[in-house]
Amino acid sequence: PASAVALTLRAVGGLTTRQIARAYLVPEATMAQRISRA
């Protein structure tokens, strides 16, 4: 679920990796890795 949310926010929601990381309360690099894995 966490990866699906991150991927959807980036691919469809139009949010940047930085915005998604802020929403998840994690560093931007961590979120970038999560989206890449997804």
Full PDB file with SEQRES, HELIX, SHEET, SSBOND, CRYST1, ORIGX, SCALE, CONECT and MASTER records, all heavy atoms in Angstrom:
SEQRES   1 A   38  PRO ALA SER ALA VAL ALA LEU THR LEU ARG ALA VAL GLY          
SEQRES   2 A   38  GLY LEU THR THR ARG GLN ILE ALA ARG ALA TYR LEU VAL          
SEQRES   3 A   38  PRO GLU ALA THR MET ALA GLN ARG ILE SER ARG ALA              
HELIX    1 AA1 ALA A    2  ALA A   11  1                                  10    
HELIX    2 AA2 THR A   17  TYR A   24  1                                   8    
HELIX    3 AA3 GLU A   28  ARG A   37  1                                  10    
CRYST1    1.000    1.000    1.000  90.00  90.00  90.00 P 1           1          
ORIGX1      1.000000  0.000000  0.000000        0.00000                         
ORIGX2      0.000000  1.000000  0.000000        0.00000                         
ORIGX3      0.000000  0.000000  1.000000        0.00000                         
SCALE1      1.000000  0.000000  0.000000        0.00000                         
SCALE2      0.000000  1.000000  0.000000        0.00000                         
SCALE3      0.000000  0.000000  1.000000        0.00000                         
ATOM      1  N   PRO A   1       0.812  -1.226   0.000  1.00  0.00           N  
ATOM      2  CA  PRO A   1       0.000   0.000   0.000  1.00  0.00           C  
ATOM      3  C   PRO A   1       0.842   1.272   0.000  1.00  0.00           C  
ATOM      4  O   PRO A   1       0.538   2.217  -0.722  1.00  0.00           O  
ATOM      5  CB  PRO A   1      -0.811  -0.140   1.300  1.00  0.00           C  
ATOM      6  CG  PRO A   1      -0.942  -1.615   1.494  1.00  0.00           C  
ATOM      7  CD  PRO A   1       0.365  -2.189   1.023  1.00  0.00           C  
ATOM      8  N   ALA A   2       1.930   1.291   0.790  1.00  0.00           N  
ATOM      9  CA  ALA A   2       2.766   2.502   0.846  1.00  0.00           C  
ATOM     10  C   ALA A   2       3.407   2.794  -0.507  1.00  0.00           C  
ATOM     11  O   ALA A   2       3.440   3.949  -0.959  1.00  0.00           O  
ATOM     12  CB  ALA A   2       3.844   2.344   1.919  1.00  0.00           C  
ATOM     13  N   SER A   3       3.902   1.753  -1.169  1.00  0.00           N  
ATOM     14  CA  SER A   3       4.529   1.953  -2.480  1.00  0.00           C  
ATOM     15  C   SER A   3       3.494   2.360  -3.524  1.00  0.00           C  
ATOM     16  O   SER A   3       3.759   3.193  -4.394  1.00  0.00           O  
ATOM     17  CB  SER A   3       5.239   0.670  -2.922  1.00  0.00           C  
ATOM     18  OG  SER A   3       6.325   0.376  -2.072  1.00  0.00           O  
ATOM     19  N   ALA A   4       2.312   1.760  -3.460  1.00  0.00           N  
ATOM     20  CA  ALA A   4       1.255   2.098  -4.412  1.00  0.00           C  
ATOM     21  C   ALA A   4       0.841   3.554  -4.276  1.00  0.00           C  
ATOM     22  O   ALA A   4       0.638   4.256  -5.273  1.00  0.00           O  
ATOM     23  CB  ALA A   4       0.050   1.177  -4.213  1.00  0.00           C  
ATOM     24  N   VAL A   5       0.727   4.013  -3.039  1.00  0.00           N  
ATOM     25  CA  VAL A   5       0.357   5.413  -2.817  1.00  0.00           C  
ATOM     26  C   VAL A   5       1.424   6.338  -3.383  1.00  0.00           C  
ATOM     27  O   VAL A   5       1.130   7.297  -4.109  1.00  0.00           O  
ATOM     28  CB  VAL A   5       0.153   5.679  -1.308  1.00  0.00           C  
ATOM     29  CG1 VAL A   5       0.018   7.172  -1.053  1.00  0.00           C  
ATOM     30  CG2 VAL A   5      -1.086   4.960  -0.799  1.00  0.00           C  
ATOM     31  N   ALA A   6       2.689   6.046  -3.067  1.00  0.00           N  
ATOM     32  CA  ALA A   6       3.777   6.905  -3.541  1.00  0.00           C  
ATOM     33  C   ALA A   6       3.836   6.946  -5.068  1.00  0.00           C  
ATOM     34  O   ALA A   6       3.986   8.015  -5.676  1.00  0.00           O  
ATOM     35  CB  ALA A   6       5.107   6.413  -2.969  1.00  0.00           C  
ATOM     36  N   LEU A   7       3.717   5.775  -5.700  1.00  0.00           N  
ATOM     37  CA  LEU A   7       3.778   5.715  -7.156  1.00  0.00           C  
ATOM     38  C   LEU A   7       2.609   6.460  -7.793  1.00  0.00           C  
ATOM     39  O   LEU A   7       2.779   7.194  -8.770  1.00  0.00           O  
ATOM     40  CB  LEU A   7       3.776   4.252  -7.614  1.00  0.00           C  
ATOM     41  CG  LEU A   7       3.791   4.024  -9.137  1.00  0.00           C  
ATOM     42  CD1 LEU A   7       5.055   4.617  -9.756  1.00  0.00           C  
ATOM     43  CD2 LEU A   7       3.693   2.537  -9.446  1.00  0.00           C  
ATOM     44  N   THR A   8       1.421   6.309  -7.252  1.00  0.00           N  
ATOM     45  CA  THR A   8       0.242   6.958  -7.821  1.00  0.00           C  
ATOM     46  C   THR A   8       0.321   8.468  -7.670  1.00  0.00           C  
ATOM     47  O   THR A   8      -0.035   9.218  -8.584  1.00  0.00           O  
ATOM     48  CB  THR A   8      -1.041   6.428  -7.167  1.00  0.00           C  
ATOM     49  OG1 THR A   8      -1.008   5.008  -7.122  1.00  0.00           O  
ATOM     50  CG2 THR A   8      -2.269   6.878  -7.935  1.00  0.00           C  
ATOM     51  N   LEU A   9       0.791   8.924  -6.512  1.00  0.00           N  
ATOM     52  CA  LEU A   9       0.944  10.361  -6.317  1.00  0.00           C  
ATOM     53  C   LEU A   9       1.901  10.957  -7.345  1.00  0.00           C  
ATOM     54  O   LEU A   9       1.687  12.056  -7.853  1.00  0.00           O  
ATOM     55  CB  LEU A   9       1.460  10.637  -4.906  1.00  0.00           C  
ATOM     56  CG  LEU A   9       0.468  10.438  -3.759  1.00  0.00           C  
ATOM     57  CD1 LEU A   9       1.186  10.534  -2.418  1.00  0.00           C  
ATOM     58  CD2 LEU A   9      -0.657  11.452  -3.820  1.00  0.00           C  
ATOM     59  N   ARG A  10       2.952  10.206  -7.651  1.00  0.00           N  
ATOM     60  CA  ARG A  10       3.957  10.716  -8.591  1.00  0.00           C  
ATOM     61  C   ARG A  10       3.472  10.603 -10.035  1.00  0.00           C  
ATOM     62  O   ARG A  10       3.608  11.543 -10.827  1.00  0.00           O  
ATOM     63  CB  ARG A  10       5.266   9.917  -8.424  1.00  0.00           C  
ATOM     64  CG  ARG A  10       6.393  10.412  -9.306  1.00  0.00           C  
ATOM     65  CD  ARG A  10       6.893  11.764  -8.821  1.00  0.00           C  
ATOM     66  NE  ARG A  10       7.797  12.374  -9.803  1.00  0.00           N  
ATOM     67  CZ  ARG A  10       7.396  13.186 -10.759  1.00  0.00           C  
ATOM     68  NH1 ARG A  10       6.101  13.502 -10.894  1.00  0.00           N  
ATOM     69  NH2 ARG A  10       8.265  13.712 -11.594  1.00  0.00           N  
ATOM     70  N   ALA A  11       2.892   9.445 -10.392  1.00  0.00           N  
ATOM     71  CA  ALA A  11       2.559   9.176 -11.793  1.00  0.00           C  
ATOM     72  C   ALA A  11       1.251   9.827 -12.218  1.00  0.00           C  
ATOM     73  O   ALA A  11       1.124  10.268 -13.366  1.00  0.00           O  
ATOM     74  CB  ALA A  11       2.486   7.662 -12.030  1.00  0.00           C  
ATOM     75  N   VAL A  12       0.272   9.880 -11.331  1.00  0.00           N  
ATOM     76  CA  VAL A  12      -1.060  10.377 -11.710  1.00  0.00           C  
ATOM     77  C   VAL A  12      -1.423  11.655 -10.978  1.00  0.00           C  
ATOM     78  O   VAL A  12      -2.020  12.570 -11.537  1.00  0.00           O  
ATOM     79  CB  VAL A  12      -2.142   9.305 -11.434  1.00  0.00           C  
ATOM     80  CG1 VAL A  12      -3.490   9.748 -11.995  1.00  0.00           C  
ATOM     81  CG2 VAL A  12      -1.738   7.967 -12.032  1.00  0.00           C  
ATOM     82  N   GLY A  13      -1.045  11.735  -9.701  1.00  0.00           N  
ATOM     83  CA  GLY A  13      -1.436  12.884  -8.897  1.00  0.00           C  
ATOM     84  C   GLY A  13      -0.709  14.160  -9.249  1.00  0.00           C  
ATOM     85  O   GLY A  13      -1.157  15.248  -8.910  1.00  0.00           O  
ATOM     86  N   GLY A  14       0.441  14.039  -9.930  1.00  0.00           N  
ATOM     87  CA  GLY A  14       1.162  15.229 -10.343  1.00  0.00           C  
ATOM     88  C   GLY A  14       2.049  15.825  -9.274  1.00  0.00           C  
ATOM     89  O   GLY A  14       2.576  16.929  -9.439  1.00  0.00           O  
ATOM     90  N   LEU A  15       2.263  15.134  -8.144  1.00  0.00           N  
ATOM     91  CA  LEU A  15       3.111  15.654  -7.086  1.00  0.00           C  
ATOM     92  C   LEU A  15       4.574  15.332  -7.366  1.00  0.00           C  
ATOM     93  O   LEU A  15       4.887  14.319  -7.983  1.00  0.00           O  
ATOM     94  CB  LEU A  15       2.713  15.059  -5.726  1.00  0.00           C  
ATOM     95  CG  LEU A  15       1.593  15.782  -4.965  1.00  0.00           C  
ATOM     96  CD1 LEU A  15       0.284  15.707  -5.738  1.00  0.00           C  
ATOM     97  CD2 LEU A  15       1.417  15.187  -3.578  1.00  0.00           C  
ATOM     98  N   THR A  16       5.466  16.181  -6.892  1.00  0.00           N  
ATOM     99  CA  THR A  16       6.884  15.922  -7.030  1.00  0.00           C  
ATOM    100  C   THR A  16       7.334  14.962  -5.930  1.00  0.00           C  
ATOM    101  O   THR A  16       6.638  14.762  -4.928  1.00  0.00           O  
ATOM    102  CB  THR A  16       7.703  17.211  -6.909  1.00  0.00           C  
ATOM    103  OG1 THR A  16       7.565  17.735  -5.575  1.00  0.00           O  
ATOM    104  CG2 THR A  16       7.226  18.254  -7.913  1.00  0.00           C  
ATOM    105  N   THR A  17       8.511  14.385  -6.110  1.00  0.00           N  
ATOM    106  CA  THR A  17       9.061  13.502  -5.087  1.00  0.00           C  
ATOM    107  C   THR A  17       9.215  14.242  -3.765  1.00  0.00           C  
ATOM    108  O   THR A  17       8.954  13.688  -2.692  1.00  0.00           O  
ATOM    109  CB  THR A  17      10.430  12.951  -5.545  1.00  0.00           C  
ATOM    110  OG1 THR A  17      10.257  12.278  -6.796  1.00  0.00           O  
ATOM    111  CG2 THR A  17      10.995  11.976  -4.518  1.00  0.00           C  
ATOM    112  N   ARG A  18       9.603  15.502  -3.817  1.00  0.00           N  
ATOM    113  CA  ARG A  18       9.770  16.296  -2.600  1.00  0.00           C  
ATOM    114  C   ARG A  18       8.437  16.464  -1.868  1.00  0.00           C  
ATOM    115  O   ARG A  18       8.369  16.348  -0.638  1.00  0.00           O  
ATOM    116  CB  ARG A  18      10.361  17.664  -2.942  1.00  0.00           C  
ATOM    117  CG  ARG A  18      10.629  18.547  -1.733  1.00  0.00           C  
ATOM    118  CD  ARG A  18      11.293  19.867  -2.131  1.00  0.00           C  
ATOM    119  NE  ARG A  18      12.618  19.638  -2.679  1.00  0.00           N  
ATOM    120  CZ  ARG A  18      12.943  19.780  -3.955  1.00  0.00           C  
ATOM    121  NH1 ARG A  18      12.018  20.134  -4.831  1.00  0.00           N  
ATOM    122  NH2 ARG A  18      14.167  19.562  -4.379  1.00  0.00           N  
ATOM    123  N   GLN A  19       7.373  16.746  -2.595  1.00  0.00           N  
ATOM    124  CA  GLN A  19       6.064  16.922  -1.970  1.00  0.00           C  
ATOM    125  C   GLN A  19       5.580  15.618  -1.331  1.00  0.00           C  
ATOM    126  O   GLN A  19       5.004  15.627  -0.235  1.00  0.00           O  
ATOM    127  CB  GLN A  19       5.054  17.404  -3.015  1.00  0.00           C  
ATOM    128  CG  GLN A  19       5.286  18.832  -3.478  1.00  0.00           C  
ATOM    129  CD  GLN A  19       4.425  19.187  -4.670  1.00  0.00           C  
ATOM    130  OE1 GLN A  19       4.262  18.388  -5.597  1.00  0.00           O  
ATOM    131  NE2 GLN A  19       3.869  20.380  -4.677  1.00  0.00           N  
ATOM    132  N   ILE A  20       5.794  14.510  -2.014  1.00  0.00           N  
ATOM    133  CA  ILE A  20       5.363  13.215  -1.480  1.00  0.00           C  
ATOM    134  C   ILE A  20       6.157  12.880  -0.224  1.00  0.00           C  
ATOM    135  O   ILE A  20       5.594  12.392   0.777  1.00  0.00           O  
ATOM    136  CB  ILE A  20       5.539  12.109  -2.536  1.00  0.00           C  
ATOM    137  CG1 ILE A  20       4.716  12.433  -3.791  1.00  0.00           C  
ATOM    138  CG2 ILE A  20       5.100  10.758  -1.972  1.00  0.00           C  
ATOM    139  CD1 ILE A  20       5.038  11.544  -4.984  1.00  0.00           C  
ATOM    140  N   ALA A  21       7.460  13.139  -0.238  1.00  0.00           N  
ATOM    141  CA  ALA A  21       8.290  12.870   0.937  1.00  0.00           C  
ATOM    142  C   ALA A  21       7.815  13.691   2.121  1.00  0.00           C  
ATOM    143  O   ALA A  21       7.761  13.193   3.258  1.00  0.00           O  
ATOM    144  CB  ALA A  21       9.753  13.187   0.615  1.00  0.00           C  
ATOM    145  N   ARG A  22       7.449  14.925   1.878  1.00  0.00           N  
ATOM    146  CA  ARG A  22       6.973  15.777   2.964  1.00  0.00           C  
ATOM    147  C   ARG A  22       5.666  15.240   3.543  1.00  0.00           C  
ATOM    148  O   ARG A  22       5.450  15.254   4.755  1.00  0.00           O  
ATOM    149  CB  ARG A  22       6.774  17.207   2.444  1.00  0.00           C  
ATOM    150  CG  ARG A  22       6.452  18.214   3.547  1.00  0.00           C  
ATOM    151  CD  ARG A  22       6.438  19.621   2.994  1.00  0.00           C  
ATOM    152  NE  ARG A  22       5.357  19.814   2.048  1.00  0.00           N  
ATOM    153  CZ  ARG A  22       5.245  20.873   1.263  1.00  0.00           C  
ATOM    154  NH1 ARG A  22       6.186  21.816   1.280  1.00  0.00           N  
ATOM    155  NH2 ARG A  22       4.226  21.009   0.441  1.00  0.00           N  
ATOM    156  N   ALA A  23       4.780  14.748   2.674  1.00  0.00           N  
ATOM    157  CA  ALA A  23       3.518  14.185   3.149  1.00  0.00           C  
ATOM    158  C   ALA A  23       3.737  12.937   3.992  1.00  0.00           C  
ATOM    159  O   ALA A  23       2.999  12.676   4.939  1.00  0.00           O  
ATOM    160  CB  ALA A  23       2.615  13.865   1.955  1.00  0.00           C  
ATOM    161  N   TYR A  24       4.758  12.159   3.655  1.00  0.00           N  
ATOM    162  CA  TYR A  24       5.056  10.916   4.372  1.00  0.00           C  
ATOM    163  C   TYR A  24       5.987  11.122   5.558  1.00  0.00           C  
ATOM    164  O   TYR A  24       6.294  10.176   6.284  1.00  0.00           O  
ATOM    165  CB  TYR A  24       5.703   9.904   3.413  1.00  0.00           C  
ATOM    166  CG  TYR A  24       4.725   8.954   2.781  1.00  0.00           C  
ATOM    167  CD1 TYR A  24       4.185   9.223   1.535  1.00  0.00           C  
ATOM    168  CD2 TYR A  24       4.348   7.791   3.419  1.00  0.00           C  
ATOM    169  CE1 TYR A  24       3.292   8.350   0.930  1.00  0.00           C  
ATOM    170  CE2 TYR A  24       3.463   6.908   2.835  1.00  0.00           C  
ATOM    171  CZ  TYR A  24       2.939   7.194   1.589  1.00  0.00           C  
ATOM    172  OH  TYR A  24       2.055   6.322   1.009  1.00  0.00           O  
ATOM    173  N   LEU A  25       6.490  12.340   5.732  1.00  0.00           N  
ATOM    174  CA  LEU A  25       7.407  12.656   6.834  1.00  0.00           C  
ATOM    175  C   LEU A  25       8.702  11.856   6.729  1.00  0.00           C  
ATOM    176  O   LEU A  25       9.248  11.384   7.735  1.00  0.00           O  
ATOM    177  CB  LEU A  25       6.739  12.406   8.205  1.00  0.00           C  
ATOM    178  CG  LEU A  25       5.358  13.028   8.437  1.00  0.00           C  
ATOM    179  CD1 LEU A  25       4.846  12.673   9.818  1.00  0.00           C  
ATOM    180  CD2 LEU A  25       5.404  14.528   8.245  1.00  0.00           C  
ATOM    181  N   VAL A  26       9.218  11.700   5.497  1.00  0.00           N  
ATOM    182  CA  VAL A  26      10.475  10.977   5.291  1.00  0.00           C  
ATOM    183  C   VAL A  26      11.388  11.837   4.429  1.00  0.00           C  
ATOM    184  O   VAL A  26      10.933  12.744   3.719  1.00  0.00           O  
ATOM    185  CB  VAL A  26      10.258   9.605   4.613  1.00  0.00           C  
ATOM    186  CG1 VAL A  26       9.367   8.722   5.473  1.00  0.00           C  
ATOM    187  CG2 VAL A  26       9.666   9.775   3.213  1.00  0.00           C  
ATOM    188  N   PRO A  27      12.726  11.578   4.446  1.00  0.00           N  
ATOM    189  CA  PRO A  27      13.636  12.328   3.571  1.00  0.00           C  
ATOM    190  C   PRO A  27      13.303  12.118   2.104  1.00  0.00           C  
ATOM    191  O   PRO A  27      12.798  11.060   1.707  1.00  0.00           O  
ATOM    192  CB  PRO A  27      15.014  11.741   3.920  1.00  0.00           C  
ATOM    193  CG  PRO A  27      14.859  11.156   5.283  1.00  0.00           C  
ATOM    194  CD  PRO A  27      13.441  10.657   5.350  1.00  0.00           C  
ATOM    195  N   GLU A  28      13.625  13.106   1.290  1.00  0.00           N  
ATOM    196  CA  GLU A  28      13.319  13.021  -0.134  1.00  0.00           C  
ATOM    197  C   GLU A  28      14.033  11.847  -0.789  1.00  0.00           C  
ATOM    198  O   GLU A  28      13.465  11.157  -1.647  1.00  0.00           O  
ATOM    199  CB  GLU A  28      13.707  14.329  -0.828  1.00  0.00           C  
ATOM    200  CG  GLU A  28      13.341  14.365  -2.302  1.00  0.00           C  
ATOM    201  CD  GLU A  28      13.669  15.692  -2.949  1.00  0.00           C  
ATOM    202  OE1 GLU A  28      14.082  16.626  -2.228  1.00  0.00           O  
ATOM    203  OE2 GLU A  28      13.530  15.805  -4.176  1.00  0.00           O  
ATOM    204  N   ALA A  29      15.299  11.593  -0.373  1.00  0.00           N  
ATOM    205  CA  ALA A  29      16.049  10.477  -0.966  1.00  0.00           C  
ATOM    206  C   ALA A  29      15.372   9.141  -0.669  1.00  0.00           C  
ATOM    207  O   ALA A  29      15.335   8.248  -1.529  1.00  0.00           O  
ATOM    208  CB  ALA A  29      17.476  10.469  -0.420  1.00  0.00           C  
ATOM    209  N   THR A  30      14.829   9.005   0.530  1.00  0.00           N  
ATOM    210  CA  THR A  30      14.125   7.767   0.895  1.00  0.00           C  
ATOM    211  C   THR A  30      12.907   7.565   0.013  1.00  0.00           C  
ATOM    212  O   THR A  30      12.647   6.457  -0.482  1.00  0.00           O  
ATOM    213  CB  THR A  30      13.699   7.818   2.370  1.00  0.00           C  
ATOM    214  OG1 THR A  30      14.862   7.959   3.188  1.00  0.00           O  
ATOM    215  CG2 THR A  30      12.937   6.554   2.775  1.00  0.00           C  
ATOM    216  N   MET A  31      12.157   8.652  -0.210  1.00  0.00           N  
ATOM    217  CA  MET A  31      10.961   8.533  -1.048  1.00  0.00           C  
ATOM    218  C   MET A  31      11.338   8.248  -2.495  1.00  0.00           C  
ATOM    219  O   MET A  31      10.653   7.485  -3.182  1.00  0.00           O  
ATOM    220  CB  MET A  31      10.128   9.811  -0.944  1.00  0.00           C  
ATOM    221  CG  MET A  31       8.829   9.766  -1.744  1.00  0.00           C  
ATOM    222  SD  MET A  31       7.807   8.306  -1.375  1.00  0.00           S  
ATOM    223  CE  MET A  31       7.423   8.598   0.349  1.00  0.00           C  
ATOM    224  N   ALA A  32      12.423   8.846  -2.980  1.00  0.00           N  
ATOM    225  CA  ALA A  32      12.861   8.581  -4.356  1.00  0.00           C  
ATOM    226  C   ALA A  32      13.180   7.100  -4.542  1.00  0.00           C  
ATOM    227  O   ALA A  32      12.818   6.496  -5.560  1.00  0.00           O  
ATOM    228  CB  ALA A  32      14.082   9.433  -4.689  1.00  0.00           C  
ATOM    229  N   GLN A  33      13.827   6.502  -3.551  1.00  0.00           N  
ATOM    230  CA  GLN A  33      14.133   5.072  -3.617  1.00  0.00           C  
ATOM    231  C   GLN A  33      12.858   4.238  -3.597  1.00  0.00           C  
ATOM    232  O   GLN A  33      12.744   3.234  -4.311  1.00  0.00           O  
ATOM    233  CB  GLN A  33      15.049   4.686  -2.459  1.00  0.00           C  
ATOM    234  CG  GLN A  33      16.441   5.281  -2.545  1.00  0.00           C  
ATOM    235  CD  GLN A  33      17.269   5.000  -1.296  1.00  0.00           C  
ATOM    236  OE1 GLN A  33      16.776   4.430  -0.337  1.00  0.00           O  
ATOM    237  NE2 GLN A  33      18.523   5.419  -1.326  1.00  0.00           N  
ATOM    238  N   ARG A  34      11.902   4.645  -2.777  1.00  0.00           N  
ATOM    239  CA  ARG A  34      10.641   3.896  -2.683  1.00  0.00           C  
ATOM    240  C   ARG A  34       9.897   3.922  -4.019  1.00  0.00           C  
ATOM    241  O   ARG A  34       9.376   2.901  -4.481  1.00  0.00           O  
ATOM    242  CB  ARG A  34       9.759   4.487  -1.572  1.00  0.00           C  
ATOM    243  CG  ARG A  34       8.472   3.729  -1.330  1.00  0.00           C  
ATOM    244  CD  ARG A  34       7.655   4.352  -0.212  1.00  0.00           C  
ATOM    245  NE  ARG A  34       8.384   4.374   1.048  1.00  0.00           N  
ATOM    246  CZ  ARG A  34       7.902   4.909   2.165  1.00  0.00           C  
ATOM    247  NH1 ARG A  34       6.707   5.485   2.165  1.00  0.00           N  
ATOM    248  NH2 ARG A  34       8.616   4.885   3.279  1.00  0.00           N  
ATOM    249  N   ILE A  35       9.861   5.090  -4.644  1.00  0.00           N  
ATOM    250  CA  ILE A  35       9.175   5.200  -5.933  1.00  0.00           C  
ATOM    251  C   ILE A  35       9.915   4.391  -6.996  1.00  0.00           C  
ATOM    252  O   ILE A  35       9.293   3.724  -7.831  1.00  0.00           O  
ATOM    253  CB  ILE A  35       9.052   6.678  -6.343  1.00  0.00           C  
ATOM    254  CG1 ILE A  35       8.124   7.421  -5.373  1.00  0.00           C  
ATOM    255  CG2 ILE A  35       8.519   6.808  -7.768  1.00  0.00           C  
ATOM    256  CD1 ILE A  35       8.084   8.922  -5.585  1.00  0.00           C  
ATOM    257  N   SER A  36      11.237   4.428  -6.954  1.00  0.00           N  
ATOM    258  CA  SER A  36      12.017   3.659  -7.923  1.00  0.00           C  
ATOM    259  C   SER A  36      11.746   2.166  -7.778  1.00  0.00           C  
ATOM    260  O   SER A  36      11.579   1.451  -8.781  1.00  0.00           O  
ATOM    261  CB  SER A  36      13.517   3.935  -7.731  1.00  0.00           C  
ATOM    262  OG  SER A  36      13.819   5.273  -8.045  1.00  0.00           O  
ATOM    263  N   ARG A  37      11.712   1.682  -6.544  1.00  0.00           N  
ATOM    264  CA  ARG A  37      11.421   0.261  -6.323  1.00  0.00           C  
ATOM    265  C   ARG A  37      10.029  -0.101  -6.820  1.00  0.00           C  
ATOM    266  O   ARG A  37       9.823  -1.169  -7.401  1.00  0.00           O  
ATOM    267  CB  ARG A  37      11.566  -0.084  -4.836  1.00  0.00           C  
ATOM    268  CG  ARG A  37      13.004  -0.141  -4.352  1.00  0.00           C  
ATOM    269  CD  ARG A  37      13.086  -0.837  -3.006  1.00  0.00           C  
ATOM    270  NE  ARG A  37      12.318  -0.136  -1.982  1.00  0.00           N  
ATOM    271  CZ  ARG A  37      12.839   0.809  -1.191  1.00  0.00           C  
ATOM    272  NH1 ARG A  37      14.103   1.169  -1.314  1.00  0.00           N  
ATOM    273  NH2 ARG A  37      12.087   1.392  -0.280  1.00  0.00           N  
ATOM    274  N   ALA A  38       9.081   0.800  -6.589  1.00  0.00           N  
ATOM    275  CA  ALA A  38       7.717   0.533  -7.053  1.00  0.00           C  
ATOM    276  C   ALA A  38       7.671   0.448  -8.580  1.00  0.00           C  
ATOM    277  O   ALA A  38       7.003  -0.424  -9.146  1.00  0.00           O  
ATOM    278  CB  ALA A  38       6.770   1.629  -6.558  1.00  0.00           C  
TER     279      ALA A  38                                                      
MASTER        0    0    0    3    0    0    0    6  278    1    0    3          
END                                                                             
